[in-house]
N, C-alpha and C. Protein backbone atom coordinates (compact mmCIF):
# COMPACT_ATOMS: atom_id res chain seq x y z
N UNK A 1 22.25 1.30 -6.81
CA UNK A 1 21.74 1.72 -8.10
C UNK A 1 20.09 1.90 -7.64
N UNK A 2 19.49 3.19 -7.78
CA UNK A 2 18.12 3.53 -7.53
C UNK A 2 17.25 3.01 -8.61
N UNK A 3 16.28 2.38 -8.17
CA UNK A 3 15.34 1.93 -8.98
C UNK A 3 14.07 3.18 -9.04
N UNK A 4 13.85 3.62 -10.35
CA UNK A 4 12.96 4.64 -10.50
C UNK A 4 11.56 4.22 -10.91
N UNK A 5 10.56 3.97 -10.12
CA UNK A 5 9.28 3.54 -10.61
C UNK A 5 8.26 3.82 -9.66
N UNK A 6 6.98 3.86 -10.06
CA UNK A 6 5.76 4.26 -9.30
C UNK A 6 4.65 3.12 -9.71
N UNK A 7 3.72 2.94 -8.69
CA UNK A 7 2.70 2.01 -9.00
C UNK A 7 1.24 2.83 -8.86
N UNK A 8 0.33 2.29 -9.65
CA UNK A 8 -1.18 2.97 -9.55
C UNK A 8 -2.05 1.54 -9.29
N UNK A 9 -2.61 1.64 -8.20
CA UNK A 9 -3.29 0.42 -7.73
C UNK A 9 -4.67 0.34 -8.43
N UNK A 10 -5.20 -0.78 -8.41
CA UNK A 10 -6.64 -1.06 -8.81
C UNK A 10 -7.11 -0.49 -10.08
N UNK A 11 -6.19 -0.75 -11.16
CA UNK A 11 -6.60 -0.33 -12.48
C UNK A 11 -7.42 -1.21 -13.05
N UNK A 12 -8.00 -0.66 -14.26
CA UNK A 12 -8.85 -1.59 -15.25
C UNK A 12 -7.77 -1.85 -16.44
N UNK A 13 -7.51 -3.12 -16.54
CA UNK A 13 -6.33 -3.46 -17.36
C UNK A 13 -6.72 -3.14 -18.98
N UNK A 14 -7.88 -3.53 -19.23
CA UNK A 14 -8.47 -3.19 -20.53
C UNK A 14 -8.43 -1.71 -20.87
N UNK A 15 -8.88 -0.95 -20.11
CA UNK A 15 -8.65 0.53 -20.07
C UNK A 15 -7.31 1.23 -20.29
N UNK A 16 -6.58 0.67 -19.43
CA UNK A 16 -5.11 0.96 -19.54
C UNK A 16 -4.52 0.52 -20.82
N UNK A 17 -4.84 -0.64 -21.28
CA UNK A 17 -4.14 -1.15 -22.51
C UNK A 17 -4.53 -0.16 -23.79
N UNK A 18 -5.85 0.23 -23.68
CA UNK A 18 -6.39 1.05 -24.66
C UNK A 18 -5.60 2.46 -24.74
N UNK A 19 -5.39 2.91 -23.26
CA UNK A 19 -4.87 4.26 -23.25
C UNK A 19 -3.21 4.28 -23.78
N UNK A 20 -2.48 3.09 -23.53
CA UNK A 20 -1.31 2.83 -24.02
C UNK A 20 -1.14 2.73 -25.40
N UNK A 21 -1.99 1.95 -26.01
CA UNK A 21 -2.09 1.86 -27.53
C UNK A 21 -2.32 3.22 -28.24
N UNK A 22 -3.25 3.82 -27.62
CA UNK A 22 -3.65 5.13 -28.16
C UNK A 22 -2.61 6.13 -28.07
N UNK A 23 -1.65 6.08 -26.92
CA UNK A 23 -0.33 6.80 -26.80
C UNK A 23 0.46 6.46 -27.75
N UNK A 24 0.51 5.16 -28.47
CA UNK A 24 1.59 4.84 -29.40
C UNK A 24 2.49 4.09 -28.84
N UNK A 25 2.38 3.45 -27.45
CA UNK A 25 3.17 2.49 -26.77
C UNK A 25 3.07 1.19 -27.45
N UNK A 26 4.26 0.40 -27.40
CA UNK A 26 4.30 -0.94 -27.96
C UNK A 26 4.25 -2.05 -27.16
N UNK A 27 3.31 -3.00 -27.39
CA UNK A 27 3.33 -4.16 -26.58
C UNK A 27 4.52 -5.05 -26.63
N UNK A 28 5.17 -5.44 -25.67
CA UNK A 28 6.51 -6.05 -25.67
C UNK A 28 6.26 -7.61 -25.46
N UNK A 29 5.41 -7.86 -24.35
CA UNK A 29 5.01 -9.26 -23.98
C UNK A 29 3.90 -9.27 -22.98
N UNK A 30 3.44 -10.51 -23.00
CA UNK A 30 2.21 -10.92 -21.98
C UNK A 30 2.58 -12.31 -21.35
N UNK A 31 3.43 -12.34 -20.07
CA UNK A 31 3.86 -13.62 -19.68
C UNK A 31 3.60 -13.83 -18.20
N UNK A 32 3.79 -14.89 -17.77
CA UNK A 32 3.74 -15.27 -16.32
C UNK A 32 5.11 -15.42 -15.78
N UNK A 33 5.50 -14.92 -14.66
CA UNK A 33 6.73 -14.91 -14.08
C UNK A 33 6.54 -15.90 -13.00
N UNK A 34 7.77 -16.61 -12.62
CA UNK A 34 8.01 -17.59 -11.70
C UNK A 34 8.85 -16.80 -10.65
N UNK A 35 8.67 -16.66 -9.31
CA UNK A 35 9.49 -16.01 -8.52
C UNK A 35 9.67 -16.43 -7.32
N UNK A 36 10.90 -16.53 -6.73
CA UNK A 36 11.26 -17.06 -5.44
C UNK A 36 12.02 -15.91 -4.64
N UNK A 37 11.53 -15.82 -3.41
CA UNK A 37 12.14 -14.72 -2.67
C UNK A 37 12.82 -15.32 -1.57
N UNK A 38 14.01 -14.88 -1.00
CA UNK A 38 15.02 -15.44 0.03
C UNK A 38 15.16 -14.64 0.84
N UNK A 39 15.49 -15.15 2.13
CA UNK A 39 16.01 -14.42 3.27
C UNK A 39 16.82 -15.39 4.16
N UNK A 40 17.36 -14.71 5.19
CA UNK A 40 17.97 -15.54 6.32
C UNK A 40 16.97 -16.22 7.19
N UNK A 41 17.41 -17.29 7.95
CA UNK A 41 16.20 -17.59 9.06
C UNK A 41 16.24 -16.59 10.07
N UNK A 42 14.75 -16.33 10.32
CA UNK A 42 14.58 -15.17 11.18
C UNK A 42 14.22 -13.96 10.49
N UNK A 43 14.34 -13.97 9.15
CA UNK A 43 13.82 -12.92 8.23
C UNK A 43 14.62 -11.64 8.57
N UNK A 44 15.93 -11.74 8.70
CA UNK A 44 16.75 -10.58 8.98
C UNK A 44 16.75 -9.59 7.71
N UNK A 45 16.86 -9.97 6.56
CA UNK A 45 16.55 -9.05 5.34
C UNK A 45 15.25 -8.20 5.51
N UNK A 46 14.19 -8.94 5.82
CA UNK A 46 13.00 -8.33 5.77
C UNK A 46 12.96 -7.29 6.85
N UNK A 47 13.48 -7.63 7.93
CA UNK A 47 13.49 -6.57 9.14
C UNK A 47 14.31 -5.35 8.56
N UNK A 48 15.19 -5.51 7.72
CA UNK A 48 15.88 -4.31 7.05
C UNK A 48 15.14 -3.68 5.75
N UNK A 49 13.93 -4.12 5.40
CA UNK A 49 13.23 -3.77 4.30
C UNK A 49 13.92 -4.15 3.20
N UNK A 50 14.58 -5.47 3.11
CA UNK A 50 15.41 -5.75 1.87
C UNK A 50 14.91 -7.28 1.55
N UNK A 51 15.47 -7.78 0.33
CA UNK A 51 15.13 -9.13 -0.02
C UNK A 51 16.06 -9.52 -1.19
N UNK A 52 16.04 -10.87 -1.31
CA UNK A 52 16.89 -11.54 -2.49
C UNK A 52 15.89 -12.07 -3.37
N UNK A 53 15.72 -11.78 -4.84
CA UNK A 53 14.74 -12.30 -5.47
C UNK A 53 15.33 -13.20 -6.67
N UNK A 54 14.74 -14.22 -6.91
CA UNK A 54 15.22 -15.10 -8.26
C UNK A 54 13.92 -15.08 -9.07
N UNK A 55 14.12 -14.68 -10.12
CA UNK A 55 12.93 -14.53 -11.06
C UNK A 55 13.13 -15.00 -12.57
N UNK A 56 12.15 -16.05 -12.94
CA UNK A 56 12.24 -16.36 -14.41
C UNK A 56 11.19 -15.72 -15.08
N UNK A 57 11.59 -14.94 -16.02
CA UNK A 57 10.83 -14.03 -16.87
C UNK A 57 10.29 -14.55 -18.03
N UNK A 58 10.61 -15.78 -18.49
CA UNK A 58 10.42 -16.51 -19.62
C UNK A 58 11.63 -16.43 -20.47
N UNK A 59 12.07 -15.13 -20.87
CA UNK A 59 12.99 -14.98 -21.76
C UNK A 59 14.37 -14.56 -21.08
N UNK A 60 14.38 -14.40 -19.76
CA UNK A 60 15.61 -14.20 -19.07
C UNK A 60 15.15 -14.66 -17.57
N UNK A 61 16.44 -14.90 -17.01
CA UNK A 61 16.33 -15.20 -15.41
C UNK A 61 17.22 -14.21 -14.73
N UNK A 62 16.79 -13.48 -13.57
CA UNK A 62 17.53 -12.70 -12.92
C UNK A 62 17.57 -12.90 -11.53
N UNK A 63 18.61 -12.47 -10.76
CA UNK A 63 18.64 -12.65 -9.39
C UNK A 63 19.03 -11.31 -8.88
N UNK A 64 18.21 -10.65 -8.10
CA UNK A 64 18.07 -9.29 -7.75
C UNK A 64 18.11 -9.17 -6.15
N UNK A 65 19.02 -8.17 -5.70
CA UNK A 65 18.95 -7.68 -4.24
C UNK A 65 18.05 -6.32 -4.30
N UNK A 66 17.11 -6.35 -3.64
CA UNK A 66 16.26 -4.92 -3.48
C UNK A 66 16.15 -4.52 -2.03
N UNK A 67 16.20 -3.21 -1.83
CA UNK A 67 16.28 -2.63 -0.55
C UNK A 67 15.43 -1.23 -0.54
N UNK A 68 14.31 -1.48 0.23
CA UNK A 68 13.41 -0.21 0.09
C UNK A 68 14.03 0.90 0.95
N UNK A 69 14.20 2.12 0.28
CA UNK A 69 14.60 3.42 0.96
C UNK A 69 13.39 4.03 1.88
N UNK A 70 13.55 3.91 3.16
CA UNK A 70 12.52 4.17 4.05
C UNK A 70 12.71 5.53 4.73
N UNK A 71 11.66 6.40 4.93
CA UNK A 71 12.02 7.60 5.70
C UNK A 71 12.08 7.10 7.20
N UNK A 72 13.00 8.07 8.10
CA UNK A 72 13.07 7.65 9.38
C UNK A 72 11.77 7.46 10.14
N UNK A 73 10.59 8.31 9.85
CA UNK A 73 9.43 8.16 10.72
C UNK A 73 8.33 7.37 10.05
N UNK A 74 8.74 6.84 8.74
CA UNK A 74 7.65 6.18 7.95
C UNK A 74 7.32 4.97 8.49
N UNK A 75 5.98 4.65 8.17
CA UNK A 75 5.54 3.08 8.62
C UNK A 75 5.66 2.33 7.45
N UNK A 76 5.65 1.00 7.75
CA UNK A 76 6.10 0.02 6.68
C UNK A 76 5.28 0.15 5.49
N UNK A 77 3.90 0.51 5.55
CA UNK A 77 2.93 0.29 4.48
C UNK A 77 2.90 1.70 3.67
N UNK A 78 3.61 2.73 4.11
CA UNK A 78 3.47 3.98 3.25
C UNK A 78 4.47 4.14 2.16
N UNK A 79 4.23 5.23 1.32
CA UNK A 79 4.98 5.47 0.17
C UNK A 79 6.74 5.45 0.60
N UNK A 80 7.47 4.67 -0.13
CA UNK A 80 8.77 4.95 0.16
C UNK A 80 9.53 6.12 -0.48
N UNK A 81 10.90 6.41 -0.19
CA UNK A 81 11.63 7.30 -0.73
C UNK A 81 12.10 6.95 -1.99
N UNK A 82 12.19 5.56 -2.19
CA UNK A 82 12.77 4.74 -3.47
C UNK A 82 13.15 3.48 -3.17
N UNK A 83 13.91 2.79 -4.13
CA UNK A 83 14.10 1.35 -4.01
C UNK A 83 15.65 1.25 -4.49
N UNK A 84 16.70 0.77 -3.73
CA UNK A 84 17.95 0.41 -4.13
C UNK A 84 17.78 -0.97 -4.75
N UNK A 85 18.56 -1.14 -5.98
CA UNK A 85 18.37 -2.44 -6.58
C UNK A 85 19.67 -2.81 -7.25
N UNK A 86 20.10 -4.15 -7.14
CA UNK A 86 21.22 -4.57 -7.92
C UNK A 86 20.96 -5.80 -8.60
N UNK A 87 20.91 -5.92 -9.95
CA UNK A 87 20.28 -7.17 -10.69
C UNK A 87 21.39 -7.77 -11.53
N UNK A 88 21.50 -8.99 -11.74
CA UNK A 88 22.24 -9.64 -12.68
C UNK A 88 21.47 -10.81 -13.43
N UNK A 89 21.81 -10.87 -14.67
CA UNK A 89 21.07 -11.89 -15.42
C UNK A 89 22.10 -13.25 -15.27
N UNK A 90 21.29 -14.13 -15.19
CA UNK A 90 21.88 -15.70 -15.02
C UNK A 90 21.24 -16.61 -16.00
N UNK A 91 22.01 -17.70 -15.98
CA UNK A 91 21.57 -18.69 -16.89
C UNK A 91 20.81 -19.95 -16.50
N UNK A 92 20.61 -20.11 -15.10
CA UNK A 92 19.85 -21.18 -14.57
C UNK A 92 19.14 -20.96 -13.27
N UNK A 93 17.82 -20.96 -13.33
CA UNK A 93 17.16 -20.66 -12.24
C UNK A 93 17.38 -21.66 -11.01
N UNK A 94 17.55 -23.02 -11.47
CA UNK A 94 17.62 -24.21 -10.43
C UNK A 94 19.23 -23.94 -9.67
N UNK A 95 20.04 -23.61 -10.74
CA UNK A 95 21.59 -23.51 -10.07
C UNK A 95 21.51 -22.40 -9.18
N UNK A 96 20.93 -21.12 -9.53
CA UNK A 96 21.05 -20.09 -8.55
C UNK A 96 20.32 -20.53 -7.27
N UNK A 97 19.15 -21.14 -7.48
CA UNK A 97 18.35 -21.31 -6.22
C UNK A 97 19.48 -22.22 -5.35
N UNK A 98 20.12 -23.15 -5.94
CA UNK A 98 20.97 -23.99 -5.10
C UNK A 98 22.12 -23.06 -4.41
N UNK A 99 22.63 -22.34 -5.11
CA UNK A 99 23.71 -21.55 -4.66
C UNK A 99 23.26 -20.57 -3.46
N UNK A 100 22.01 -20.04 -3.63
CA UNK A 100 21.48 -19.21 -2.49
C UNK A 100 21.20 -20.11 -1.30
N UNK A 101 20.73 -21.08 -1.50
CA UNK A 101 20.46 -22.12 -0.30
C UNK A 101 21.72 -22.43 0.17
N UNK A 102 22.52 -22.92 -0.48
CA UNK A 102 24.05 -23.25 0.23
C UNK A 102 24.62 -22.13 1.02
N UNK A 103 24.20 -20.95 0.53
CA UNK A 103 24.80 -19.80 1.39
C UNK A 103 24.08 -19.45 2.61
N UNK A 104 23.12 -20.37 2.90
CA UNK A 104 22.59 -20.25 4.23
C UNK A 104 21.18 -19.40 4.19
N UNK A 105 20.77 -19.11 3.23
CA UNK A 105 19.51 -18.26 3.03
C UNK A 105 18.33 -19.57 2.97
N UNK A 106 16.90 -19.01 3.09
CA UNK A 106 16.02 -19.88 3.00
C UNK A 106 14.76 -19.36 2.13
N UNK A 107 13.93 -20.30 1.55
CA UNK A 107 13.10 -19.55 0.67
C UNK A 107 11.93 -18.80 1.52
N UNK A 108 11.73 -17.77 1.35
CA UNK A 108 10.75 -16.98 2.16
C UNK A 108 9.29 -17.28 1.53
N UNK A 109 9.10 -17.03 0.17
CA UNK A 109 7.93 -17.56 -0.36
C UNK A 109 8.20 -17.73 -1.97
N UNK A 110 7.26 -18.47 -2.51
CA UNK A 110 7.26 -18.53 -3.97
C UNK A 110 6.02 -17.69 -4.39
N UNK A 111 6.30 -16.91 -5.61
CA UNK A 111 4.93 -16.38 -6.17
C UNK A 111 5.12 -16.34 -7.58
N UNK A 112 3.77 -16.18 -8.11
CA UNK A 112 3.52 -16.18 -9.71
C UNK A 112 2.79 -14.74 -10.02
N UNK A 113 3.30 -14.16 -11.09
CA UNK A 113 2.53 -13.00 -11.32
C UNK A 113 2.47 -12.94 -13.02
N UNK A 114 1.39 -12.47 -13.46
CA UNK A 114 1.22 -12.15 -14.97
C UNK A 114 1.62 -10.65 -15.21
N UNK A 115 2.49 -10.63 -16.25
CA UNK A 115 2.87 -9.27 -16.49
C UNK A 115 2.74 -8.71 -18.07
N UNK A 116 1.95 -7.80 -18.07
CA UNK A 116 1.80 -7.25 -19.59
C UNK A 116 2.78 -5.99 -19.65
N UNK A 117 3.79 -6.02 -20.47
CA UNK A 117 4.56 -4.87 -20.78
C UNK A 117 4.37 -4.15 -21.96
N UNK A 118 4.37 -2.92 -21.80
CA UNK A 118 4.29 -1.85 -22.84
C UNK A 118 5.79 -0.99 -22.80
N UNK A 119 6.12 -0.44 -23.94
CA UNK A 119 7.19 0.48 -24.20
C UNK A 119 6.94 1.77 -24.85
N UNK A 120 7.24 2.77 -24.30
CA UNK A 120 7.02 4.03 -25.02
C UNK A 120 8.16 4.53 -24.99
N UNK A 121 9.10 4.90 -25.79
CA UNK A 121 10.60 5.31 -25.67
C UNK A 121 11.32 4.58 -24.77
N UNK A 122 11.71 5.27 -23.56
CA UNK A 122 12.42 4.65 -22.52
C UNK A 122 11.70 4.49 -21.31
N UNK A 123 10.26 4.61 -21.48
CA UNK A 123 9.56 4.20 -20.25
C UNK A 123 8.79 2.90 -20.38
N UNK A 124 8.71 2.18 -19.33
CA UNK A 124 8.09 0.77 -19.27
C UNK A 124 6.81 1.04 -18.43
N UNK A 125 5.90 0.54 -18.93
CA UNK A 125 4.46 0.52 -18.46
C UNK A 125 4.16 -1.12 -18.43
N UNK A 126 4.13 -1.51 -17.05
CA UNK A 126 3.63 -2.95 -16.84
C UNK A 126 2.49 -3.03 -15.99
N UNK A 127 1.61 -3.92 -16.56
CA UNK A 127 0.29 -4.23 -15.94
C UNK A 127 0.60 -5.58 -15.31
N UNK A 128 0.38 -5.42 -14.03
CA UNK A 128 0.67 -6.65 -12.98
C UNK A 128 -0.50 -7.21 -12.48
N UNK A 129 -0.54 -8.39 -12.72
CA UNK A 129 -1.55 -9.40 -11.99
C UNK A 129 -0.99 -10.26 -11.01
N UNK A 130 -1.39 -10.14 -9.80
CA UNK A 130 -0.98 -11.14 -8.48
C UNK A 130 -2.10 -11.90 -8.06
N UNK A 131 -1.97 -13.01 -7.72
CA UNK A 131 -3.08 -13.66 -7.08
C UNK A 131 -3.47 -12.92 -5.75
N UNK A 132 -4.62 -12.69 -5.61
CA UNK A 132 -5.21 -12.19 -4.33
C UNK A 132 -5.03 -10.61 -4.30
N UNK A 133 -4.41 -9.98 -5.44
CA UNK A 133 -4.62 -8.59 -5.67
C UNK A 133 -5.40 -8.10 -6.76
N UNK A 134 -5.88 -6.97 -6.97
CA UNK A 134 -6.51 -6.32 -7.86
C UNK A 134 -5.11 -6.07 -9.02
N UNK A 135 -5.42 -5.94 -10.38
CA UNK A 135 -4.36 -5.37 -11.25
C UNK A 135 -3.83 -4.16 -10.87
N UNK A 136 -2.50 -3.94 -11.01
CA UNK A 136 -2.02 -2.44 -10.92
C UNK A 136 -0.94 -2.25 -11.91
N UNK A 137 -0.88 -0.89 -12.15
CA UNK A 137 0.26 -0.48 -13.12
C UNK A 137 1.42 0.14 -12.44
N UNK A 138 2.60 -0.42 -13.05
CA UNK A 138 3.91 -0.07 -12.77
C UNK A 138 4.56 0.66 -13.73
N UNK A 139 5.18 1.99 -13.49
CA UNK A 139 5.85 2.86 -14.45
C UNK A 139 7.16 2.93 -14.08
N UNK A 140 8.07 2.53 -14.91
CA UNK A 140 9.64 2.63 -14.59
C UNK A 140 10.11 3.43 -15.75
N UNK A 141 11.03 4.46 -15.30
CA UNK A 141 11.69 5.19 -16.30
C UNK A 141 13.15 5.70 -15.68
N UNK A 142 14.02 6.21 -16.57
CA UNK A 142 15.33 6.37 -16.16
C UNK A 142 15.53 7.70 -15.27
N UNK A 143 14.45 8.63 -15.23
CA UNK A 143 14.47 9.66 -14.23
C UNK A 143 13.08 9.85 -13.64
N UNK A 144 13.18 10.76 -12.56
CA UNK A 144 11.78 10.83 -11.95
C UNK A 144 10.96 11.90 -12.79
N UNK A 145 11.65 12.86 -13.53
CA UNK A 145 11.01 13.58 -14.44
C UNK A 145 10.33 12.95 -15.68
N UNK A 146 10.88 11.87 -16.15
CA UNK A 146 10.37 10.96 -17.20
C UNK A 146 8.99 10.12 -16.45
N UNK A 147 9.19 9.85 -15.32
CA UNK A 147 7.96 9.33 -14.59
C UNK A 147 6.74 10.21 -14.56
N UNK A 148 7.05 11.60 -14.28
CA UNK A 148 6.09 12.46 -14.06
C UNK A 148 5.46 12.66 -15.69
N UNK A 149 6.20 12.68 -16.73
CA UNK A 149 5.73 12.89 -17.88
C UNK A 149 4.96 11.58 -18.47
N UNK A 150 5.37 10.41 -17.88
CA UNK A 150 4.44 9.22 -18.26
C UNK A 150 3.11 9.39 -17.51
N UNK A 151 2.96 9.77 -16.28
CA UNK A 151 1.95 9.88 -15.63
C UNK A 151 0.95 10.91 -16.32
N UNK A 152 1.39 11.94 -16.87
CA UNK A 152 0.68 12.93 -17.50
C UNK A 152 0.31 12.50 -19.06
N UNK A 153 1.12 11.67 -19.69
CA UNK A 153 0.71 11.19 -21.02
C UNK A 153 -0.58 10.31 -21.09
N UNK A 154 -0.76 9.51 -19.90
CA UNK A 154 -1.64 8.59 -19.85
C UNK A 154 -2.97 8.99 -18.88
N UNK A 155 -2.76 10.31 -18.48
CA UNK A 155 -3.89 10.93 -17.89
C UNK A 155 -4.29 10.35 -16.38
N UNK A 156 -3.18 9.92 -15.72
CA UNK A 156 -3.30 9.40 -14.38
C UNK A 156 -3.19 10.80 -13.40
N UNK A 157 -3.70 10.48 -12.02
CA UNK A 157 -3.51 11.46 -11.25
C UNK A 157 -2.30 11.34 -10.33
N UNK A 158 -1.39 12.25 -10.41
CA UNK A 158 -0.21 12.22 -9.66
C UNK A 158 -0.37 11.85 -8.27
N UNK A 159 -1.49 12.30 -7.50
CA UNK A 159 -1.69 12.03 -6.19
C UNK A 159 -2.06 10.43 -5.91
N UNK A 160 -2.44 9.65 -6.89
CA UNK A 160 -2.65 8.42 -6.83
C UNK A 160 -1.43 7.57 -6.76
N UNK A 161 -0.28 7.85 -7.19
CA UNK A 161 0.87 7.10 -7.48
C UNK A 161 1.27 6.73 -5.84
N UNK A 162 1.93 5.45 -5.99
CA UNK A 162 2.51 4.95 -4.91
C UNK A 162 4.02 4.38 -5.16
N UNK A 163 4.88 4.67 -4.23
CA UNK A 163 6.15 4.29 -4.40
C UNK A 163 6.55 3.17 -3.28
N UNK A 164 6.34 1.76 -3.70
CA UNK A 164 6.19 0.86 -2.66
C UNK A 164 6.47 -0.50 -3.37
N UNK A 165 6.62 -1.56 -2.51
CA UNK A 165 6.82 -2.76 -2.94
C UNK A 165 5.56 -3.74 -2.97
N UNK A 166 5.41 -4.78 -3.64
CA UNK A 166 4.38 -5.56 -3.70
C UNK A 166 3.88 -6.07 -2.39
N UNK A 167 4.96 -6.23 -1.40
CA UNK A 167 4.66 -6.75 -0.26
C UNK A 167 3.81 -5.62 0.63
N UNK A 168 4.07 -4.35 0.53
CA UNK A 168 3.38 -3.36 0.94
C UNK A 168 1.86 -3.30 0.51
N UNK A 169 1.66 -3.68 -0.99
CA UNK A 169 0.27 -3.65 -1.53
C UNK A 169 -0.36 -4.59 -0.73
N UNK A 170 0.13 -5.73 -0.50
CA UNK A 170 -0.68 -6.96 0.10
C UNK A 170 -1.02 -6.43 1.48
N UNK A 171 -0.05 -5.91 2.13
CA UNK A 171 -0.24 -5.51 3.57
C UNK A 171 -1.53 -4.41 3.54
N UNK A 172 -1.53 -3.58 2.37
CA UNK A 172 -2.71 -2.57 2.38
C UNK A 172 -4.00 -3.26 2.24
N UNK A 173 -4.02 -4.62 1.53
CA UNK A 173 -5.12 -5.42 1.45
C UNK A 173 -5.30 -6.36 2.76
N UNK A 174 -4.59 -6.29 3.81
CA UNK A 174 -4.63 -7.10 5.07
C UNK A 174 -3.97 -8.48 4.86
N UNK A 175 -3.26 -8.59 3.74
CA UNK A 175 -2.49 -9.89 3.69
C UNK A 175 -1.04 -9.70 4.08
N UNK A 176 -0.55 -10.27 5.20
CA UNK A 176 0.93 -10.36 5.43
C UNK A 176 1.68 -11.41 4.78
N UNK A 177 2.64 -11.04 3.70
CA UNK A 177 3.08 -12.24 2.92
C UNK A 177 3.83 -13.23 3.70
N UNK A 178 4.42 -12.73 5.03
CA UNK A 178 5.01 -13.75 5.57
C UNK A 178 4.37 -14.82 6.50
N UNK A 179 2.90 -14.73 6.13
CA UNK A 179 2.11 -15.60 6.62
C UNK A 179 1.88 -16.77 5.37
N UNK A 180 2.33 -16.41 4.35
CA UNK A 180 2.03 -17.54 3.23
C UNK A 180 3.54 -18.00 2.75
N UNK A 181 3.49 -19.19 2.18
CA UNK A 181 4.66 -19.72 1.50
C UNK A 181 4.51 -19.82 -0.13
N UNK A 182 3.25 -19.59 -0.57
CA UNK A 182 2.98 -19.54 -1.89
C UNK A 182 2.00 -18.74 -2.36
N UNK A 183 2.23 -17.91 -3.49
CA UNK A 183 1.01 -17.05 -4.10
C UNK A 183 1.12 -17.61 -5.56
N UNK A 184 0.04 -18.35 -5.81
CA UNK A 184 -0.05 -18.96 -7.24
C UNK A 184 -1.55 -18.57 -7.60
N UNK A 185 -1.53 -18.75 -8.89
CA UNK A 185 -2.92 -18.66 -9.51
C UNK A 185 -3.89 -19.66 -9.45
N UNK A 186 -3.47 -20.88 -8.80
CA UNK A 186 -4.08 -21.81 -8.20
C UNK A 186 -4.59 -21.61 -6.65
N UNK A 187 -3.96 -20.74 -6.25
CA UNK A 187 -4.30 -20.20 -4.87
C UNK A 187 -3.20 -19.76 -3.96
N UNK A 188 -3.71 -19.25 -2.73
CA UNK A 188 -2.61 -18.91 -1.93
C UNK A 188 -2.42 -19.87 -0.79
N UNK A 189 -1.09 -20.21 -0.41
CA UNK A 189 -0.68 -21.41 0.61
C UNK A 189 -0.11 -20.75 1.88
N UNK A 190 -0.98 -20.97 2.96
CA UNK A 190 -0.57 -20.46 4.26
C UNK A 190 0.66 -21.24 4.64
N UNK A 191 1.60 -20.76 5.32
CA UNK A 191 2.75 -21.45 6.04
C UNK A 191 2.13 -22.45 7.04
N UNK A 192 2.94 -23.43 6.94
CA UNK A 192 2.51 -24.73 7.99
C UNK A 192 2.86 -24.24 9.42
N UNK A 193 3.97 -23.31 9.54
CA UNK A 193 4.17 -23.10 10.75
C UNK A 193 3.51 -21.98 11.53
N UNK A 194 2.34 -21.42 10.86
CA UNK A 194 1.61 -20.19 11.20
C UNK A 194 0.28 -20.79 11.70
């Protein structure tokens, strides 16, 4: 299934929240997520622009396989053509982690992020805060046409949209996520083997 979403980098969260409220969007939550990303030893999935994510969102826990859809001549940090995503809701973060590890995967890194979500009809507007990055806006909708409508509704420039992963955003800022084992609000932790 293709995930239909875009990002706008380096936003002012207060200004964006004002725009969303003025539009009539409803604030759904403001919470911190715990995320573990897994791969095979040697980072086989990473080399294929894919990963397995275990995420505690506070009110639900998900296990998700994600695969970036990349053009043939595209560089790893450029806009993608899209994202393939398969997600299930699970009942235990700890049990899911044990199953994933028993299957031979390793923890690639742990990260925290704060997300403020607004909904306007069938459109999700997420303001994301990651340690080491400026806040950004993620817009997700059921169709690309609805994405375009959302961009116009809040007065953003279509040319500024990015179709990319958070890993790519870190890369744009000169941070290779593979060099770190943890991204927390207490700080970034470098890998011991680097």
